[in-house]
Every structure is written in C-alpha cells, then in structure tokens.
C-alpha cells in the first residue's frame, strides 16, 4: 500500500482489514466522503464466506466492490446485490483489473450496524456533544450505539463515523 497511499488525497484513509460489527473484516476500506469496501477473492480462494460478507458489508458500507479472479467471476455475480461493483483480476506477474460493473450507492445502510464502527469512548463523546449522554456514561458500548442509532439521523451518523475513523491515531489498539 505504500505506493498507493502517496497518490491518494490527504483527506482519504485507506485501511487493511477493517473489522465490521465483529463479524467479518473487509479486505480494504477507503474512508473519504463515503465508506467504501473492497473484498478480494483470488483464484485459490473460495466463495464460501462471500454471502455472509455481503450481508454484513451491505449493512455498513456506502459502496462495495468485489475484486475477483477470472475463475470466480460468473459464480460471484450470482451472490452479489446489484449495487456492488465488480472488477475481474487477470494475469500473474502483472495483474490487470477490468471494471465489469461499477459500484452504486448502497441505499440500505443500517444505522445500528454503522455505529458499531465507533469505539466506546467515541460513541460516548458523540452522545455528550449532542446532550444525550446523561444517564449513559457508565453504560456498555452496545447501549451507547443503540442510543446514537436511535437519536441521530443516518446521514449525520455516516459523517460522524467517517470523521472518527479518519481521526484515529491508535488503530490497532483493541477497544
């Protein structure tokens, strides 16, 4: 990723293996004005986990793309919603990516799943900033997530989560 990050806008965050809802990890996540995820399936991978990944990714991501080896292309199309983009990877020494289907905006982001990208202290801080933290300061993170998802409009939640992801400096510290 070193060479790639040099070409990306400074307001963009690129992450390897972003955890989604504690259920799965997206191979590459790009956080800028949207939250985009890329799932990569090489020729020796199987598509066994793809349906579950699609379900979770579809709850959280604004855009999703599958980068798939040629041998999985036909089968993968049957497993993806129409809004998912698809790129086919071919070649060995020099890999070529062909865009087969562009990604479209996901119209079904789930606020309850999206807020699970926040660490507990971030969720509490967001509640406090909105005057919603009273009686919640010692509650577990899932209660904080529920309150945020119920009280904050989805577009505001999306902006908040992206800002928090981009503002983190200690990414690999478990929270």
N, C-alpha and C. Protein backbone atom coordinates (compact mmCIF):
# COMPACT_ATOMS: atom_id res chain seq x y z
N UNK A 1 0.80 -1.20 0.00
CA UNK A 1 0.00 0.00 0.00
C UNK A 1 0.84 1.27 0.00
N UNK A 2 2.11 1.18 0.31
CA UNK A 2 2.96 2.35 0.40
C UNK A 2 2.88 3.25 -0.81
N UNK A 3 3.03 2.69 -2.02
CA UNK A 3 2.98 3.50 -3.24
C UNK A 3 1.60 4.07 -3.48
N UNK A 4 0.58 3.30 -3.14
CA UNK A 4 -0.79 3.74 -3.36
C UNK A 4 -1.13 4.94 -2.49
N UNK A 5 -0.75 4.91 -1.23
CA UNK A 5 -1.13 6.00 -0.33
C UNK A 5 -0.49 7.32 -0.74
N UNK A 6 0.63 7.29 -1.43
CA UNK A 6 1.27 8.52 -1.88
C UNK A 6 0.41 9.21 -2.95
N UNK A 7 -0.44 8.47 -3.64
CA UNK A 7 -1.25 9.00 -4.71
C UNK A 7 -2.65 9.42 -4.25
N UNK A 8 -2.98 9.15 -3.01
CA UNK A 8 -4.32 9.39 -2.51
C UNK A 8 -4.41 10.75 -1.85
N UNK A 9 -5.56 11.36 -1.99
CA UNK A 9 -5.83 12.64 -1.35
C UNK A 9 -5.56 12.54 0.15
N UNK A 10 -4.94 13.57 0.75
CA UNK A 10 -4.61 13.51 2.18
C UNK A 10 -5.83 13.35 3.09
N UNK A 11 -7.02 13.68 2.61
CA UNK A 11 -8.25 13.52 3.39
C UNK A 11 -8.84 12.13 3.29
N UNK A 12 -8.12 11.22 2.65
CA UNK A 12 -8.59 9.85 2.46
C UNK A 12 -7.78 8.91 3.33
N UNK A 13 -8.48 8.01 4.00
CA UNK A 13 -7.84 6.99 4.82
C UNK A 13 -8.04 5.65 4.15
N UNK A 14 -6.96 4.89 3.98
CA UNK A 14 -7.02 3.55 3.41
C UNK A 14 -6.60 2.57 4.51
N UNK A 15 -7.45 1.60 4.77
CA UNK A 15 -7.21 0.63 5.84
C UNK A 15 -7.21 -0.79 5.31
N UNK A 16 -6.28 -1.59 5.80
CA UNK A 16 -6.30 -3.02 5.52
C UNK A 16 -7.13 -3.69 6.60
N UNK A 17 -8.04 -4.53 6.20
CA UNK A 17 -8.82 -5.36 7.11
C UNK A 17 -9.55 -4.60 8.20
N UNK A 18 -10.52 -3.81 7.82
CA UNK A 18 -11.38 -3.10 8.77
C UNK A 18 -12.43 -4.05 9.30
N UNK A 19 -12.49 -4.16 10.63
CA UNK A 19 -13.48 -5.01 11.28
C UNK A 19 -14.86 -4.40 11.14
N UNK A 20 -15.84 -5.22 10.76
CA UNK A 20 -17.22 -4.76 10.62
C UNK A 20 -18.10 -5.55 11.58
N UNK A 21 -18.62 -4.88 12.56
CA UNK A 21 -19.59 -5.44 13.51
C UNK A 21 -19.06 -6.66 14.26
N UNK A 22 -17.77 -6.85 14.31
CA UNK A 22 -17.21 -8.01 14.99
C UNK A 22 -17.51 -9.33 14.28
N UNK A 23 -18.03 -9.25 13.06
CA UNK A 23 -18.45 -10.45 12.34
C UNK A 23 -17.53 -10.82 11.18
N UNK A 24 -16.92 -9.82 10.57
CA UNK A 24 -16.05 -10.06 9.43
C UNK A 24 -15.16 -8.83 9.23
N UNK A 25 -14.18 -8.96 8.37
CA UNK A 25 -13.30 -7.85 8.04
C UNK A 25 -13.33 -7.62 6.54
N UNK A 26 -13.44 -6.36 6.16
CA UNK A 26 -13.35 -6.00 4.75
C UNK A 26 -11.86 -5.91 4.42
N UNK A 27 -11.45 -6.47 3.29
CA UNK A 27 -10.03 -6.54 2.94
C UNK A 27 -9.39 -5.15 2.89
N UNK A 28 -10.02 -4.23 2.19
CA UNK A 28 -9.51 -2.85 2.09
C UNK A 28 -10.71 -1.91 2.25
N UNK A 29 -10.56 -0.94 3.13
CA UNK A 29 -11.60 0.08 3.30
C UNK A 29 -11.00 1.44 2.94
N UNK A 30 -11.78 2.24 2.24
CA UNK A 30 -11.38 3.58 1.88
C UNK A 30 -12.40 4.53 2.50
N UNK A 31 -11.88 5.45 3.32
CA UNK A 31 -12.74 6.39 4.03
C UNK A 31 -12.41 7.79 3.52
N UNK A 32 -13.37 8.41 2.86
CA UNK A 32 -13.26 9.80 2.43
C UNK A 32 -14.66 10.40 2.54
N UNK A 33 -15.26 10.84 1.49
CA UNK A 33 -16.63 11.34 1.55
C UNK A 33 -17.65 10.23 1.66
N UNK A 34 -17.18 9.00 1.53
CA UNK A 34 -18.01 7.79 1.65
C UNK A 34 -17.17 6.73 2.35
N UNK A 35 -17.82 5.65 2.71
CA UNK A 35 -17.13 4.48 3.26
C UNK A 35 -17.26 3.39 2.20
N UNK A 36 -16.12 3.03 1.60
CA UNK A 36 -16.09 2.06 0.51
C UNK A 36 -15.26 0.86 0.93
N UNK A 37 -15.74 -0.32 0.61
CA UNK A 37 -15.00 -1.54 0.93
C UNK A 37 -14.72 -2.37 -0.30
N UNK A 38 -13.55 -3.01 -0.28
CA UNK A 38 -13.14 -3.89 -1.38
C UNK A 38 -12.88 -5.27 -0.81
N UNK A 39 -13.57 -6.26 -1.32
CA UNK A 39 -13.33 -7.65 -0.95
C UNK A 39 -12.56 -8.29 -2.09
N UNK A 40 -11.49 -9.00 -1.77
CA UNK A 40 -10.62 -9.59 -2.79
C UNK A 40 -10.70 -11.10 -2.70
N UNK A 41 -11.02 -11.73 -3.82
CA UNK A 41 -11.09 -13.19 -3.90
C UNK A 41 -10.15 -13.64 -5.02
N UNK A 42 -9.02 -14.21 -4.63
CA UNK A 42 -8.04 -14.71 -5.59
C UNK A 42 -8.45 -16.05 -6.16
N UNK A 43 -7.69 -16.53 -7.10
CA UNK A 43 -8.03 -17.77 -7.80
C UNK A 43 -8.03 -18.99 -6.88
N UNK A 44 -7.25 -18.98 -5.82
CA UNK A 44 -7.22 -20.12 -4.91
C UNK A 44 -8.18 -19.97 -3.72
N UNK A 45 -8.82 -18.81 -3.61
CA UNK A 45 -9.83 -18.60 -2.56
C UNK A 45 -11.11 -19.35 -2.94
N UNK A 46 -11.99 -19.49 -1.95
CA UNK A 46 -13.32 -20.00 -2.24
C UNK A 46 -14.31 -18.85 -2.05
N UNK A 47 -15.52 -19.05 -2.50
CA UNK A 47 -16.57 -18.05 -2.33
C UNK A 47 -17.51 -18.44 -1.18
N UNK A 48 -17.11 -19.41 -0.40
CA UNK A 48 -17.95 -19.95 0.68
C UNK A 48 -18.39 -18.87 1.67
N UNK A 49 -17.50 -17.96 2.04
CA UNK A 49 -17.84 -16.92 3.02
C UNK A 49 -18.47 -15.67 2.40
N UNK A 50 -18.46 -15.58 1.09
CA UNK A 50 -18.94 -14.36 0.43
C UNK A 50 -20.38 -13.98 0.78
N UNK A 51 -21.34 -14.90 0.81
CA UNK A 51 -22.71 -14.49 1.16
C UNK A 51 -22.80 -13.80 2.53
N UNK A 52 -22.11 -14.32 3.52
CA UNK A 52 -22.11 -13.69 4.84
C UNK A 52 -21.42 -12.34 4.83
N UNK A 53 -20.32 -12.25 4.08
CA UNK A 53 -19.62 -10.98 3.95
C UNK A 53 -20.52 -9.94 3.28
N UNK A 54 -21.22 -10.34 2.24
CA UNK A 54 -22.12 -9.43 1.53
C UNK A 54 -23.18 -8.90 2.50
N UNK A 55 -23.72 -9.76 3.33
CA UNK A 55 -24.75 -9.34 4.28
C UNK A 55 -24.22 -8.27 5.23
N UNK A 56 -23.06 -8.50 5.81
CA UNK A 56 -22.50 -7.53 6.77
C UNK A 56 -22.05 -6.25 6.05
N UNK A 57 -21.34 -6.39 4.95
CA UNK A 57 -20.86 -5.21 4.22
C UNK A 57 -22.06 -4.33 3.82
N UNK A 58 -23.15 -4.96 3.44
CA UNK A 58 -24.33 -4.24 2.98
C UNK A 58 -25.01 -3.46 4.09
N UNK A 59 -24.73 -3.79 5.34
CA UNK A 59 -25.29 -3.05 6.46
C UNK A 59 -24.50 -1.79 6.77
N UNK A 60 -23.24 -1.74 6.36
CA UNK A 60 -22.33 -0.68 6.82
C UNK A 60 -21.78 0.20 5.69
N UNK A 61 -21.44 -0.36 4.56
CA UNK A 61 -20.70 0.36 3.53
C UNK A 61 -21.61 1.17 2.60
N UNK A 62 -21.11 2.35 2.20
CA UNK A 62 -21.81 3.15 1.19
C UNK A 62 -21.63 2.53 -0.20
N UNK A 63 -20.42 2.06 -0.46
CA UNK A 63 -20.10 1.41 -1.73
C UNK A 63 -19.29 0.15 -1.43
N UNK A 64 -19.48 -0.89 -2.23
CA UNK A 64 -18.69 -2.11 -2.08
C UNK A 64 -18.31 -2.63 -3.46
N UNK A 65 -17.10 -3.17 -3.53
CA UNK A 65 -16.63 -3.77 -4.77
C UNK A 65 -15.98 -5.10 -4.48
N UNK A 66 -16.24 -6.05 -5.35
CA UNK A 66 -15.58 -7.34 -5.30
C UNK A 66 -14.51 -7.35 -6.37
N UNK A 67 -13.29 -7.63 -5.97
CA UNK A 67 -12.19 -7.84 -6.91
C UNK A 67 -11.99 -9.34 -6.94
N UNK A 68 -12.25 -9.94 -8.09
CA UNK A 68 -12.33 -11.39 -8.16
C UNK A 68 -11.50 -11.95 -9.32
N UNK A 69 -10.89 -13.09 -9.08
CA UNK A 69 -10.15 -13.77 -10.14
C UNK A 69 -11.14 -14.28 -11.19
N UNK A 70 -10.64 -14.44 -12.40
CA UNK A 70 -11.49 -14.86 -13.52
C UNK A 70 -12.27 -16.13 -13.23
N UNK A 71 -11.65 -17.08 -12.54
CA UNK A 71 -12.33 -18.36 -12.32
C UNK A 71 -13.54 -18.25 -11.40
N UNK A 72 -13.67 -17.17 -10.65
CA UNK A 72 -14.80 -16.99 -9.74
C UNK A 72 -15.85 -16.00 -10.26
N UNK A 73 -15.57 -15.37 -11.36
CA UNK A 73 -16.40 -14.26 -11.82
C UNK A 73 -17.88 -14.62 -11.97
N UNK A 74 -18.20 -15.63 -12.75
CA UNK A 74 -19.61 -15.99 -13.02
C UNK A 74 -20.36 -16.33 -11.75
N UNK A 75 -19.78 -17.17 -10.91
CA UNK A 75 -20.42 -17.59 -9.66
C UNK A 75 -20.59 -16.40 -8.72
N UNK A 76 -19.61 -15.52 -8.66
CA UNK A 76 -19.67 -14.38 -7.75
C UNK A 76 -20.82 -13.44 -8.11
N UNK A 77 -21.06 -13.23 -9.39
CA UNK A 77 -22.15 -12.34 -9.80
C UNK A 77 -23.48 -12.77 -9.21
N UNK A 78 -23.69 -14.07 -9.12
CA UNK A 78 -24.94 -14.60 -8.57
C UNK A 78 -25.09 -14.33 -7.07
N UNK A 79 -24.00 -14.03 -6.40
CA UNK A 79 -24.01 -13.84 -4.95
C UNK A 79 -24.06 -12.38 -4.52
N UNK A 80 -24.00 -11.46 -5.48
CA UNK A 80 -23.88 -10.04 -5.15
C UNK A 80 -25.16 -9.26 -5.44
N UNK A 81 -25.49 -8.31 -4.57
CA UNK A 81 -26.58 -7.38 -4.90
C UNK A 81 -26.17 -6.51 -6.08
N UNK A 82 -27.15 -5.93 -6.75
CA UNK A 82 -26.89 -5.12 -7.94
C UNK A 82 -26.04 -3.89 -7.68
N UNK A 83 -26.04 -3.37 -6.46
CA UNK A 83 -25.31 -2.14 -6.18
C UNK A 83 -23.81 -2.38 -6.00
N UNK A 84 -23.41 -3.63 -5.80
CA UNK A 84 -21.98 -3.95 -5.65
C UNK A 84 -21.27 -3.80 -6.99
N UNK A 85 -20.07 -3.23 -6.97
CA UNK A 85 -19.23 -3.17 -8.15
C UNK A 85 -18.41 -4.45 -8.26
N UNK A 86 -17.96 -4.74 -9.47
CA UNK A 86 -17.15 -5.94 -9.71
C UNK A 86 -15.98 -5.59 -10.62
N UNK A 87 -14.80 -6.04 -10.20
CA UNK A 87 -13.59 -5.94 -11.03
C UNK A 87 -13.01 -7.34 -11.15
N UNK A 88 -12.61 -7.70 -12.35
CA UNK A 88 -12.01 -9.01 -12.59
C UNK A 88 -10.50 -8.84 -12.71
N UNK A 89 -9.79 -9.63 -11.90
CA UNK A 89 -8.33 -9.60 -11.91
C UNK A 89 -7.82 -10.73 -12.80
N UNK A 90 -6.88 -10.40 -13.67
CA UNK A 90 -6.28 -11.42 -14.53
C UNK A 90 -4.78 -11.16 -14.63
N UNK A 91 -4.06 -12.20 -15.02
CA UNK A 91 -2.61 -12.09 -15.13
C UNK A 91 -1.92 -12.63 -13.90
N UNK A 92 -0.60 -12.87 -14.03
CA UNK A 92 0.16 -13.43 -12.91
C UNK A 92 1.24 -12.44 -12.48
N UNK A 93 2.23 -12.23 -13.31
CA UNK A 93 3.30 -11.30 -12.95
C UNK A 93 2.83 -9.85 -12.94
N UNK A 94 1.97 -9.54 -13.87
CA UNK A 94 1.41 -8.20 -13.94
C UNK A 94 -0.11 -8.34 -13.94
N UNK A 95 -0.73 -7.98 -12.81
CA UNK A 95 -2.17 -8.15 -12.66
C UNK A 95 -2.90 -7.00 -13.33
N UNK A 96 -3.94 -7.36 -14.04
CA UNK A 96 -4.79 -6.37 -14.72
C UNK A 96 -6.17 -6.42 -14.06
N UNK A 97 -6.71 -5.26 -13.75
CA UNK A 97 -8.05 -5.17 -13.18
C UNK A 97 -8.99 -4.57 -14.21
N UNK A 98 -10.02 -5.32 -14.56
CA UNK A 98 -11.01 -4.83 -15.51
C UNK A 98 -12.31 -4.56 -14.77
N UNK A 99 -12.77 -3.31 -14.83
CA UNK A 99 -14.04 -2.96 -14.23
C UNK A 99 -15.17 -3.54 -15.04
N UNK A 100 -15.94 -4.44 -14.43
CA UNK A 100 -17.05 -5.10 -15.12
C UNK A 100 -18.37 -4.41 -14.80
N UNK A 101 -18.48 -4.01 -13.54
CA UNK A 101 -19.72 -3.36 -13.10
C UNK A 101 -19.34 -2.30 -12.06
N UNK A 102 -19.72 -1.05 -12.30
CA UNK A 102 -19.39 0.00 -11.32
C UNK A 102 -20.24 -0.14 -10.06
N UNK A 103 -19.66 0.23 -8.94
CA UNK A 103 -20.41 0.23 -7.69
C UNK A 103 -21.40 1.39 -7.69
N UNK A 104 -22.53 1.16 -7.05
CA UNK A 104 -23.53 2.22 -6.87
C UNK A 104 -23.74 2.43 -5.37
N UNK A 105 -24.33 3.54 -5.02
CA UNK A 105 -24.58 3.86 -3.61
C UNK A 105 -25.53 2.83 -3.00
N UNK A 106 -25.16 2.36 -1.81
CA UNK A 106 -25.98 1.45 -1.04
C UNK A 106 -27.10 2.25 -0.39
N UNK A 107 -28.33 1.90 -0.69
CA UNK A 107 -29.48 2.63 -0.15
C UNK A 107 -29.98 2.04 1.16
N UNK A 108 -29.30 1.02 1.67
CA UNK A 108 -29.83 0.31 2.84
C UNK A 108 -28.83 0.21 4.00
N UNK A 109 -28.02 1.24 4.23
CA UNK A 109 -27.11 1.22 5.37
C UNK A 109 -27.94 1.17 6.65
N UNK A 110 -27.55 0.31 7.57
CA UNK A 110 -28.25 0.11 8.84
C UNK A 110 -27.56 0.96 9.91
N UNK A 111 -28.26 1.96 10.47
CA UNK A 111 -27.63 2.82 11.49
C UNK A 111 -27.08 2.02 12.68
N UNK A 112 -27.79 0.98 13.10
CA UNK A 112 -27.34 0.18 14.23
C UNK A 112 -26.05 -0.57 13.96
N UNK A 113 -25.83 -0.97 12.73
CA UNK A 113 -24.58 -1.64 12.36
C UNK A 113 -23.48 -0.60 12.15
N UNK A 114 -23.81 0.51 11.52
CA UNK A 114 -22.81 1.54 11.24
C UNK A 114 -22.16 2.07 12.51
N UNK A 115 -22.94 2.33 13.56
CA UNK A 115 -22.37 2.90 14.78
C UNK A 115 -21.44 1.94 15.49
N UNK A 116 -21.49 0.66 15.15
CA UNK A 116 -20.59 -0.31 15.76
C UNK A 116 -19.15 -0.13 15.31
N UNK A 117 -18.91 0.74 14.34
CA UNK A 117 -17.54 1.08 13.94
C UNK A 117 -16.90 2.03 14.95
N UNK A 118 -17.70 2.61 15.83
CA UNK A 118 -17.19 3.54 16.84
C UNK A 118 -16.70 2.78 18.07
N UNK A 119 -15.60 3.25 18.63
CA UNK A 119 -15.15 2.74 19.91
C UNK A 119 -16.05 3.33 20.98
N UNK A 120 -16.08 2.72 22.16
CA UNK A 120 -16.96 3.15 23.24
C UNK A 120 -16.76 4.63 23.58
N UNK A 121 -15.50 5.05 23.75
CA UNK A 121 -15.25 6.44 24.13
C UNK A 121 -15.69 7.41 23.03
N UNK A 122 -15.59 7.00 21.78
CA UNK A 122 -16.05 7.84 20.67
C UNK A 122 -17.57 7.97 20.70
N UNK A 123 -18.25 6.86 20.92
CA UNK A 123 -19.71 6.89 20.97
C UNK A 123 -20.19 7.77 22.12
N UNK A 124 -19.56 7.64 23.28
CA UNK A 124 -19.93 8.45 24.43
C UNK A 124 -19.67 9.93 24.16
N UNK A 125 -18.56 10.24 23.54
CA UNK A 125 -18.23 11.62 23.19
C UNK A 125 -19.26 12.21 22.23
N UNK A 126 -19.70 11.42 21.26
CA UNK A 126 -20.71 11.88 20.30
C UNK A 126 -22.05 12.10 20.99
N UNK A 127 -22.40 11.23 21.92
CA UNK A 127 -23.64 11.44 22.69
C UNK A 127 -23.54 12.71 23.51
N UNK A 128 -22.40 12.90 24.19
CA UNK A 128 -22.21 14.09 25.03
C UNK A 128 -22.30 15.37 24.20
N UNK A 129 -21.72 15.36 23.01
CA UNK A 129 -21.73 16.54 22.14
C UNK A 129 -23.15 16.93 21.73
N UNK A 130 -24.06 15.97 21.79
CA UNK A 130 -25.45 16.21 21.41
C UNK A 130 -26.38 16.32 22.63
N UNK A 131 -25.78 16.35 23.82
CA UNK A 131 -26.58 16.44 25.04
C UNK A 131 -27.37 15.18 25.34
N UNK A 132 -26.89 14.03 24.86
CA UNK A 132 -27.61 12.76 25.01
C UNK A 132 -26.92 11.77 25.94
N UNK A 133 -25.88 12.21 26.65
CA UNK A 133 -25.08 11.28 27.45
C UNK A 133 -25.58 11.10 28.88
N UNK A 134 -26.44 11.97 29.35
CA UNK A 134 -26.90 11.88 30.74
C UNK A 134 -27.55 10.51 31.00
N UNK A 135 -27.04 9.83 32.04
CA UNK A 135 -27.54 8.51 32.39
C UNK A 135 -26.93 7.37 31.58
N UNK A 136 -26.01 7.73 30.67
CA UNK A 136 -25.42 6.71 29.79
C UNK A 136 -23.91 6.57 29.97
N UNK A 137 -23.29 7.39 30.77
CA UNK A 137 -21.83 7.42 30.87
C UNK A 137 -21.22 6.09 31.32
N UNK A 138 -21.90 5.34 32.14
CA UNK A 138 -21.33 4.07 32.62
C UNK A 138 -21.96 2.86 31.93
N UNK A 139 -22.75 3.10 30.92
CA UNK A 139 -23.43 2.00 30.22
C UNK A 139 -22.48 1.33 29.24
N UNK A 140 -22.73 0.06 28.90
CA UNK A 140 -21.88 -0.65 27.93
C UNK A 140 -22.00 -0.04 26.54
N UNK A 141 -20.99 -0.32 25.72
CA UNK A 141 -20.93 0.31 24.40
C UNK A 141 -22.15 0.00 23.54
N UNK A 142 -22.70 -1.19 23.63
CA UNK A 142 -23.84 -1.51 22.77
C UNK A 142 -25.06 -0.65 23.11
N UNK A 143 -25.20 -0.24 24.37
CA UNK A 143 -26.29 0.67 24.75
C UNK A 143 -26.03 2.06 24.16
N UNK A 144 -24.76 2.48 24.18
CA UNK A 144 -24.40 3.78 23.58
C UNK A 144 -24.68 3.75 22.08
N UNK A 145 -24.31 2.65 21.44
CA UNK A 145 -24.57 2.51 20.00
C UNK A 145 -26.07 2.60 19.70
N UNK A 146 -26.87 1.89 20.51
CA UNK A 146 -28.32 1.91 20.30
C UNK A 146 -28.87 3.34 20.40
N UNK A 147 -28.40 4.07 21.40
CA UNK A 147 -28.88 5.44 21.60
C UNK A 147 -28.49 6.33 20.42
N UNK A 148 -27.25 6.23 19.98
CA UNK A 148 -26.82 7.03 18.82
C UNK A 148 -27.65 6.69 17.59
N UNK A 149 -27.82 5.41 17.32
CA UNK A 149 -28.56 4.98 16.13
C UNK A 149 -30.01 5.46 16.17
N UNK A 150 -30.59 5.52 17.37
CA UNK A 150 -31.98 5.93 17.51
C UNK A 150 -32.15 7.45 17.45
N UNK A 151 -31.14 8.20 17.88
CA UNK A 151 -31.29 9.65 18.04
C UNK A 151 -30.68 10.50 16.93
N UNK A 152 -29.74 9.94 16.18
CA UNK A 152 -29.01 10.74 15.19
C UNK A 152 -29.41 10.30 13.78
N UNK A 153 -29.78 11.23 12.92
CA UNK A 153 -30.15 10.87 11.54
C UNK A 153 -29.01 10.15 10.81
N UNK A 154 -29.37 9.26 9.91
CA UNK A 154 -28.39 8.40 9.23
C UNK A 154 -27.28 9.19 8.54
N UNK A 155 -27.60 10.23 7.80
CA UNK A 155 -26.55 10.97 7.10
C UNK A 155 -25.57 11.61 8.08
N UNK A 156 -26.07 12.08 9.21
CA UNK A 156 -25.20 12.63 10.24
C UNK A 156 -24.34 11.52 10.86
N UNK A 157 -24.93 10.34 11.05
CA UNK A 157 -24.16 9.20 11.57
C UNK A 157 -23.03 8.83 10.62
N UNK A 158 -23.32 8.81 9.33
CA UNK A 158 -22.30 8.48 8.34
C UNK A 158 -21.13 9.45 8.42
N UNK A 159 -21.44 10.74 8.48
CA UNK A 159 -20.41 11.77 8.56
C UNK A 159 -19.60 11.61 9.84
N UNK A 160 -20.29 11.36 10.95
CA UNK A 160 -19.65 11.20 12.25
C UNK A 160 -18.70 10.01 12.25
N UNK A 161 -19.17 8.88 11.76
CA UNK A 161 -18.34 7.67 11.76
C UNK A 161 -17.11 7.86 10.88
N UNK A 162 -17.29 8.43 9.70
CA UNK A 162 -16.13 8.67 8.82
C UNK A 162 -15.12 9.59 9.50
N UNK A 163 -15.59 10.65 10.14
CA UNK A 163 -14.68 11.58 10.82
C UNK A 163 -13.94 10.88 11.95
N UNK A 164 -14.62 10.05 12.71
CA UNK A 164 -13.97 9.34 13.81
C UNK A 164 -12.94 8.34 13.29
N UNK A 165 -13.27 7.63 12.22
CA UNK A 165 -12.31 6.68 11.64
C UNK A 165 -11.06 7.42 11.17
N UNK A 166 -11.25 8.54 10.49
CA UNK A 166 -10.11 9.29 9.97
C UNK A 166 -9.31 9.97 11.07
N UNK A 167 -9.94 10.24 12.21
CA UNK A 167 -9.27 10.93 13.30
C UNK A 167 -8.49 10.03 14.24
N UNK A 168 -8.60 8.74 14.10
CA UNK A 168 -7.90 7.81 14.99
C UNK A 168 -6.41 7.80 14.71
N UNK A 169 -5.64 7.69 15.79
CA UNK A 169 -4.19 7.57 15.64
C UNK A 169 -3.68 6.22 16.15
N UNK A 170 -4.47 5.54 16.94
CA UNK A 170 -4.05 4.26 17.51
C UNK A 170 -4.94 3.12 17.02
N UNK A 171 -4.93 2.91 15.72
CA UNK A 171 -5.82 1.96 15.06
C UNK A 171 -5.78 0.54 15.58
N UNK A 172 -4.63 0.03 15.83
CA UNK A 172 -4.53 -1.39 16.16
C UNK A 172 -4.63 -1.68 17.65
N UNK A 173 -5.03 -0.68 18.43
CA UNK A 173 -5.26 -0.89 19.86
C UNK A 173 -6.70 -1.37 20.02
N UNK A 174 -6.89 -2.51 20.67
CA UNK A 174 -8.23 -3.05 20.87
C UNK A 174 -9.03 -2.15 21.79
N UNK A 175 -10.27 -1.90 21.43
CA UNK A 175 -11.14 -1.07 22.27
C UNK A 175 -12.49 -1.70 22.36
